[in-house]
Structure formats: structure tokens, C-alpha cells
PDB file of N, CA and C in Angstrom:
ATOM      1  N   MET A   1     -56.960   6.134 -12.675  1.00  0.00           N
ATOM      2  CA  MET A   1     -57.273   7.076 -12.963  1.00  0.00           C
ATOM      3  C   MET A   1     -58.043   6.865 -14.520  1.00  0.00           C
ATOM      4  N   ALA A   2     -59.639   7.543 -14.236  1.00  0.00           N
ATOM      5  CA  ALA A   2     -60.636   6.827 -15.160  1.00  0.00           C
ATOM      6  C   ALA A   2     -59.590   7.973 -17.126  1.00  0.00           C
ATOM      7  N   VAL A   3     -59.328   7.986 -17.664  1.00  0.00           N
ATOM      8  CA  VAL A   3     -59.172   8.506 -18.337  1.00  0.00           C
ATOM      9  C   VAL A   3     -60.835   9.047 -19.414  1.00  0.00           C
ATOM     10  N   THR A   4     -60.878  10.319 -19.522  1.00  0.00           N
ATOM     11  CA  THR A   4     -62.141   9.916 -20.629  1.00  0.00           C
ATOM     12  C   THR A   4     -62.117  11.025 -21.784  1.00  0.00           C
ATOM     13  N   LYS A   5     -60.359  11.759 -22.345  1.00  0.00           N
ATOM     14  CA  LYS A   5     -59.978  11.866 -23.339  1.00  0.00           C
ATOM     15  C   LYS A   5     -58.535  12.363 -23.331  1.00  0.00           C
ATOM     16  N   THR A   6     -58.201  11.285 -24.706  1.00  0.00           N
ATOM     17  CA  THR A   6     -56.687  11.892 -24.821  1.00  0.00           C
ATOM     18  C   THR A   6     -56.784  13.261 -25.619  1.00  0.00           C
ATOM     19  N   GLU A   7     -54.957  13.458 -25.493  1.00  0.00           N
ATOM     20  CA  GLU A   7     -55.124  14.351 -25.856  1.00  0.00           C
ATOM     21  C   GLU A   7     -53.560  14.182 -27.069  1.00  0.00           C
ATOM     22  N   VAL A   8     -53.398  15.073 -28.142  1.00  0.00           N
ATOM     23  CA  VAL A   8     -52.514  14.297 -29.148  1.00  0.00           C
ATOM     24  C   VAL A   8     -50.976  15.708 -28.410  1.00  0.00           C
ATOM     25  N   VAL A   9     -50.244  15.044 -29.795  1.00  0.00           N
ATOM     26  CA  VAL A   9     -48.939  15.183 -29.225  1.00  0.00           C
ATOM     27  C   VAL A   9     -48.104  14.585 -29.966  1.00  0.00           C
ATOM     28  N   SER A  10     -47.269  15.750 -31.155  1.00  0.00           N
ATOM     29  CA  SER A  10     -45.592  15.416 -31.907  1.00  0.00           C
ATOM     30  C   SER A  10     -45.175  15.439 -31.950  1.00  0.00           C
ATOM     31  N   VAL A  11     -43.680  14.437 -32.047  1.00  0.00           N
ATOM     32  CA  VAL A  11     -42.586  14.519 -31.266  1.00  0.00           C
ATOM     33  C   VAL A  11     -41.693  14.534 -32.727  1.00  0.00           C
ATOM     34  N   ARG A  12     -40.829  15.118 -32.943  1.00  0.00           N
ATOM     35  CA  ARG A  12     -39.219  14.335 -34.032  1.00  0.00           C
ATOM     36  C   ARG A  12     -38.936  13.749 -32.831  1.00  0.00           C
ATOM     37  N   VAL A  13     -38.083  13.243 -34.301  1.00  0.00           N
ATOM     38  CA  VAL A  13     -37.664  12.212 -33.438  1.00  0.00           C
ATOM     39  C   VAL A  13     -35.788  12.175 -34.214  1.00  0.00           C
ATOM     40  N   PRO A  14     -34.777  11.912 -33.656  1.00  0.00           N
ATOM     41  CA  PRO A  14     -33.737  11.520 -35.105  1.00  0.00           C
ATOM     42  C   PRO A  14     -34.877   9.480 -34.985  1.00  0.00           C
ATOM     43  N   PRO A  15     -34.033   8.813 -36.256  1.00  0.00           N
ATOM     44  CA  PRO A  15     -34.215   7.591 -36.780  1.00  0.00           C
ATOM     45  C   PRO A  15     -34.331   6.745 -35.827  1.00  0.00           C
ATOM     46  N   ASP A  16     -33.411   6.668 -35.075  1.00  0.00           N
ATOM     47  CA  ASP A  16     -32.565   5.477 -34.236  1.00  0.00           C
ATOM     48  C   ASP A  16     -33.094   5.728 -32.770  1.00  0.00           C
ATOM     49  N   VAL A  17     -33.744   6.532 -32.465  1.00  0.00           N
ATOM     50  CA  VAL A  17     -34.618   6.433 -30.872  1.00  0.00           C
ATOM     51  C   VAL A  17     -35.773   6.185 -31.578  1.00  0.00           C
ATOM     52  N   LYS A  18     -36.175   6.295 -32.517  1.00  0.00           N
ATOM     53  CA  LYS A  18     -37.838   6.118 -33.215  1.00  0.00           C
ATOM     54  C   LYS A  18     -37.585   4.121 -33.331  1.00  0.00           C
ATOM     55  N   ALA A  19     -36.491   4.114 -33.887  1.00  0.00           N
ATOM     56  CA  ALA A  19     -36.408   2.481 -34.460  1.00  0.00           C
ATOM     57  C   ALA A  19     -36.279   2.136 -32.874  1.00  0.00           C
ATOM     58  N   ALA A  20     -35.216   2.497 -31.821  1.00  0.00           N
ATOM     59  CA  ALA A  20     -35.134   1.752 -30.507  1.00  0.00           C
ATOM     60  C   ALA A  20     -36.643   1.814 -29.706  1.00  0.00           C
ATOM     61  N   LEU A  21     -37.465   2.725 -30.149  1.00  0.00           N
ATOM     62  CA  LEU A  21     -39.283   3.014 -29.587  1.00  0.00           C
ATOM     63  C   LEU A  21     -39.687   2.527 -30.378  1.00  0.00           C
ATOM     64  N   VAL A  22     -39.841   0.812 -31.795  1.00  0.00           N
ATOM     65  CA  VAL A  22     -40.571   0.175 -32.514  1.00  0.00           C
ATOM     66  C   VAL A  22     -39.758  -1.245 -31.473  1.00  0.00           C
ATOM     67  N   ALA A  23     -38.603  -0.865 -31.210  1.00  0.00           N
ATOM     68  CA  ALA A  23     -38.344  -2.398 -30.572  1.00  0.00           C
ATOM     69  C   ALA A  23     -38.319  -2.452 -29.330  1.00  0.00           C
ATOM     70  N   ALA A  24     -38.980  -1.312 -28.773  1.00  0.00           N
ATOM     71  CA  ALA A  24     -39.413  -1.318 -26.836  1.00  0.00           C
ATOM     72  C   ALA A  24     -40.665  -1.751 -27.295  1.00  0.00           C
ATOM     73  N   ALA A  25     -41.810  -1.553 -27.732  1.00  0.00           N
ATOM     74  CA  ALA A  25     -43.008  -1.482 -28.156  1.00  0.00           C
ATOM     75  C   ALA A  25     -43.713  -2.454 -28.464  1.00  0.00           C
ATOM     76  N   GLU A  26     -42.296  -3.206 -29.609  1.00  0.00           N
ATOM     77  CA  GLU A  26     -42.587  -5.223 -30.589  1.00  0.00           C
ATOM     78  C   GLU A  26     -42.657  -5.892 -29.207  1.00  0.00           C
ATOM     79  N   GLN A  27     -41.213  -5.546 -28.100  1.00  0.00           N
ATOM     80  CA  GLN A  27     -40.831  -6.599 -26.841  1.00  0.00           C
ATOM     81  C   GLN A  27     -42.758  -7.294 -26.324  1.00  0.00           C
ATOM     82  N   GLU A  28     -42.494  -5.303 -25.597  1.00  0.00           N
ATOM     83  CA  GLU A  28     -44.011  -4.956 -24.613  1.00  0.00           C
ATOM     84  C   GLU A  28     -44.919  -5.548 -25.289  1.00  0.00           C
ATOM     85  N   ARG A  29     -45.455  -5.861 -26.702  1.00  0.00           N
ATOM     86  CA  ARG A  29     -46.538  -5.822 -27.191  1.00  0.00           C
ATOM     87  C   ARG A  29     -47.411  -4.672 -26.591  1.00  0.00           C
ATOM     88  N   ARG A  30     -46.956  -3.696 -27.008  1.00  0.00           N
ATOM     89  CA  ARG A  30     -47.307  -2.560 -27.556  1.00  0.00           C
ATOM     90  C   ARG A  30     -48.702  -1.468 -28.362  1.00  0.00           C
ATOM     91  N   SER A  31     -48.872  -1.216 -28.580  1.00  0.00           N
ATOM     92  CA  SER A  31     -49.438   0.397 -29.874  1.00  0.00           C
ATOM     93  C   SER A  31     -47.394   0.998 -29.338  1.00  0.00           C
ATOM     94  N   LEU A  32     -47.189   2.449 -30.107  1.00  0.00           N
ATOM     95  CA  LEU A  32     -46.435   3.029 -29.700  1.00  0.00           C
ATOM     96  C   LEU A  32     -46.810   4.468 -29.026  1.00  0.00           C
ATOM     97  N   ALA A  33     -47.606   4.176 -29.168  1.00  0.00           N
ATOM     98  CA  ALA A  33     -48.623   4.945 -28.710  1.00  0.00           C
ATOM     99  C   ALA A  33     -48.650   4.306 -26.593  1.00  0.00           C
ATOM    100  N   SER A  34     -49.003   3.469 -27.195  1.00  0.00           N
ATOM    101  CA  SER A  34     -48.623   3.589 -25.444  1.00  0.00           C
ATOM    102  C   SER A  34     -47.195   3.297 -24.695  1.00  0.00           C
ATOM    103  N   MET A  35     -46.253   2.296 -25.567  1.00  0.00           N
ATOM    104  CA  MET A  35     -45.271   2.847 -25.364  1.00  0.00           C
ATOM    105  C   MET A  35     -44.520   4.043 -24.638  1.00  0.00           C
ATOM    106  N   VAL A  36     -44.562   5.040 -25.210  1.00  0.00           N
ATOM    107  CA  VAL A  36     -44.794   6.105 -25.007  1.00  0.00           C
ATOM    108  C   VAL A  36     -45.441   6.704 -23.588  1.00  0.00           C
ATOM    109  N   GLU A  37     -46.433   6.725 -23.539  1.00  0.00           N
ATOM    110  CA  GLU A  37     -47.285   6.462 -22.823  1.00  0.00           C
ATOM    111  C   GLU A  37     -46.853   5.820 -21.073  1.00  0.00           C
ATOM    112  N   PHE A  38     -46.168   4.753 -21.427  1.00  0.00           N
ATOM    113  CA  PHE A  38     -45.428   3.665 -20.343  1.00  0.00           C
ATOM    114  C   PHE A  38     -44.565   4.012 -19.999  1.00  0.00           C
ATOM    115  N   MET A  39     -44.150   4.533 -20.857  1.00  0.00           N
ATOM    116  CA  MET A  39     -42.350   5.064 -20.655  1.00  0.00           C
ATOM    117  C   MET A  39     -42.486   6.478 -19.578  1.00  0.00           C
ATOM    118  N   VAL A  40     -43.036   7.537 -20.065  1.00  0.00           N
ATOM    119  CA  VAL A  40     -43.473   8.517 -19.170  1.00  0.00           C
ATOM    120  C   VAL A  40     -44.316   8.254 -17.866  1.00  0.00           C
ATOM    121  N   LEU A  41     -44.767   7.902 -17.897  1.00  0.00           N
ATOM    122  CA  LEU A  41     -45.957   7.442 -16.646  1.00  0.00           C
ATOM    123  C   LEU A  41     -44.093   6.502 -15.886  1.00  0.00           C
ATOM    124  N   GLU A  42     -43.598   5.632 -16.325  1.00  0.00           N
ATOM    125  CA  GLU A  42     -42.487   5.347 -15.413  1.00  0.00           C
ATOM    126  C   GLU A  42     -41.493   6.361 -14.856  1.00  0.00           C
ATOM    127  N   TYR A  43     -41.033   6.700 -15.378  1.00  0.00           N
ATOM    128  CA  TYR A  43     -39.793   7.480 -15.593  1.00  0.00           C
ATOM    129  C   TYR A  43     -40.348   9.078 -14.399  1.00  0.00           C
ATOM    130  N   CYS A  44     -42.042   9.542 -14.524  1.00  0.00           N
ATOM    131  CA  CYS A  44     -42.350  10.373 -13.771  1.00  0.00           C
ATOM    132  C   CYS A  44     -42.651   9.143 -11.915  1.00  0.00           C
ATOM    133  N   ARG A  45     -42.680   8.188 -11.737  1.00  0.00           N
ATOM    134  CA  ARG A  45     -43.324   7.432 -11.062  1.00  0.00           C
ATOM    135  C   ARG A  45     -42.144   6.787 -10.201  1.00  0.00           C
ATOM    136  N   SER A  46     -40.817   6.533 -10.853  1.00  0.00           N
ATOM    137  CA  SER A  46     -39.369   6.420 -10.677  1.00  0.00           C
ATOM    138  C   SER A  46     -38.713   7.858 -10.200  1.00  0.00           C
ATOM    139  N   ARG A  47     -39.542   8.669 -10.661  1.00  0.00           N
ATOM    140  CA  ARG A  47     -38.831  10.255  -9.693  1.00  0.00           C
ATOM    141  C   ARG A  47     -39.913  10.726  -8.626  1.00  0.00           C
ATOM    142  N   GLY A  48     -40.394  10.436  -8.480  1.00  0.00           N
ATOM    143  CA  GLY A  48     -41.939  10.898  -7.443  1.00  0.00           C
ATOM    144  C   GLY A  48     -42.526  11.988  -8.546  1.00  0.00           C
ATOM    145  N   ILE A  49     -42.327  12.734  -9.392  1.00  0.00           N
ATOM    146  CA  ILE A  49     -42.991  12.788 -10.101  1.00  0.00           C
ATOM    147  C   ILE A  49     -44.556  13.091 -10.516  1.00  0.00           C
ATOM    148  N   GLY A  50     -45.215  13.658 -10.153  1.00  0.00           N
ATOM    149  CA  GLY A  50     -46.921  13.621  -9.894  1.00  0.00           C
ATOM    150  C   GLY A  50     -47.787  13.280  -8.958  1.00  0.00           C
ATOM    151  N   GLY A  51     -46.692  12.832  -7.644  1.00  0.00           N
ATOM    152  CA  GLY A  51     -47.537  12.076  -6.944  1.00  0.00           C
ATOM    153  C   GLY A  51     -48.485  10.797  -6.777  1.00  0.00           C
ATOM    154  N   GLU A  52     -49.912  10.512  -7.131  1.00  0.00           N
ATOM    155  CA  GLU A  52     -50.499   9.476  -6.195  1.00  0.00           C
ATOM    156  C   GLU A  52     -50.912   9.527  -7.750  1.00  0.00           C
ATOM    157  N   TRP A  53     -50.917  10.245  -8.723  1.00  0.00           N
ATOM    158  CA  TRP A  53     -52.312  10.140 -10.250  1.00  0.00           C
ATOM    159  C   TRP A  53     -51.213   8.750 -10.607  1.00  0.00           C
ATOM    160  N   ALA A  54     -49.493   9.781 -10.503  1.00  0.00           N
ATOM    161  CA  ALA A  54     -48.444   8.898 -11.557  1.00  0.00           C
ATOM    162  C   ALA A  54     -48.605   7.490 -10.915  1.00  0.00           C
ATOM    163  N   ALA A  55     -48.460   7.093  -9.807  1.00  0.00           N
ATOM    164  CA  ALA A  55     -48.289   5.626  -9.618  1.00  0.00           C
ATOM    165  C   ALA A  55     -49.575   4.663  -9.436  1.00  0.00           C
ATOM    166  N   ASP A  56     -50.712   5.424  -9.270  1.00  0.00           N
ATOM    167  CA  ASP A  56     -51.085   4.764  -9.480  1.00  0.00           C
ATOM    168  C   ASP A  56     -51.987   4.420 -11.751  1.00  0.00           C
ATOM    169  N   ALA A  57     -51.953   5.412 -12.261  1.00  0.00           N
ATOM    170  CA  ALA A  57     -51.375   5.400 -13.740  1.00  0.00           C
ATOM    171  C   ALA A  57     -50.207   4.254 -14.226  1.00  0.00           C
ATOM    172  N   ALA A  58     -49.247   4.259 -13.676  1.00  0.00           N
ATOM    173  CA  ALA A  58     -47.891   3.958 -14.342  1.00  0.00           C
ATOM    174  C   ALA A  58     -47.992   2.212 -13.658  1.00  0.00           C
ATOM    175  N   SER A  59     -48.914   1.889 -12.625  1.00  0.00           N
ATOM    176  CA  SER A  59     -49.785   1.015 -12.132  1.00  0.00           C
ATOM    177  C   SER A  59     -50.591  -0.019 -12.707  1.00  0.00           C
ATOM    178  N   ALA A  60     -51.401   1.139 -13.381  1.00  0.00           N
ATOM    179  CA  ALA A  60     -52.219   0.393 -14.509  1.00  0.00           C
ATOM    180  C   ALA A  60     -51.511   0.548 -15.900  1.00  0.00           C
ATOM    181  N   HIS A  61     -50.634   0.434 -15.679  1.00  0.00           N
ATOM    182  CA  HIS A  61     -49.782   0.362 -17.237  1.00  0.00           C
ATOM    183  C   HIS A  61     -48.891  -0.982 -17.541  1.00  0.00           C
ATOM    184  N   LYS A  62     -48.634  -1.310 -15.956  1.00  0.00           N
ATOM    185  CA  LYS A  62     -47.900  -2.586 -16.196  1.00  0.00           C
ATOM    186  C   LYS A  62     -48.038  -2.885 -17.336  1.00  0.00           C
ATOM    187  N   SER A  63     -46.464  -3.397 -16.735  1.00  0.00           N
ATOM    188  CA  SER A  63     -45.408  -3.898 -18.396  1.00  0.00           C
ATOM    189  C   SER A  63     -46.392  -5.384 -18.978  1.00  0.00           C
ATOM    190  N   VAL A  64     -46.539  -5.401 -19.947  1.00  0.00           N
ATOM    191  CA  VAL A  64     -46.757  -6.103 -20.576  1.00  0.00           C
ATOM    192  C   VAL A  64     -46.669  -8.241 -20.391  1.00  0.00           C
ATOM    193  N   VAL A  65     -45.106  -7.472 -21.319  1.00  0.00           N
ATOM    194  CA  VAL A  65     -44.241  -9.071 -21.135  1.00  0.00           C
ATOM    195  C   VAL A  65     -43.434  -8.891 -19.520  1.00  0.00           C
ATOM    196  N   LYS A  66     -43.520 -10.680 -19.146  1.00  0.00           N
ATOM    197  CA  LYS A  66     -42.204 -11.225 -17.978  1.00  0.00           C
ATOM    198  C   LYS A  66     -41.142 -10.805 -18.664  1.00  0.00           C
ATOM    199  N   GLY A  67     -39.865 -10.306 -17.472  1.00  0.00           N
ATOM    200  CA  GLY A  67     -38.378 -10.930 -18.079  1.00  0.00           C
ATOM    201  C   GLY A  67     -37.836  -9.486 -18.768  1.00  0.00           C
TER     202      GLY A  67
END
């Protein structure tokens, strides 16, 4: 899946949710944006949402850290 443009998404979350996102991103050695993208794609892949594009995108964004 070749991405040529990106979209801006702005969300408000409670401080504990942001802290969890930061912790997950640090563990995976990702930026916050990359971690959100990874989490959304994995969610879609695991639930069969989006079909082939979701599976292809999720496999392209595999976890950086093993374990």
C-alpha cells in the first residue's frame, strides 16, 4: 500500500491514555503517530475490517521490538 499523502487527525484523550500511548510507543521504538497507525491497523486486521488493504498495511507496519 503506497501512501502518497497523509491526513491530520487531532484527538483529545485523558492524561492516563496519553501516558499509555507514550509508553507503548517507547517500547516499540516508534513515534506517537506511528504507534497510533500501528494500533489502528492491527485492530482492523484482527477483526477483518478493511479486507486486503488492512492486512497489507498491518504487515508493512510490523512490530519493531520482539517479545
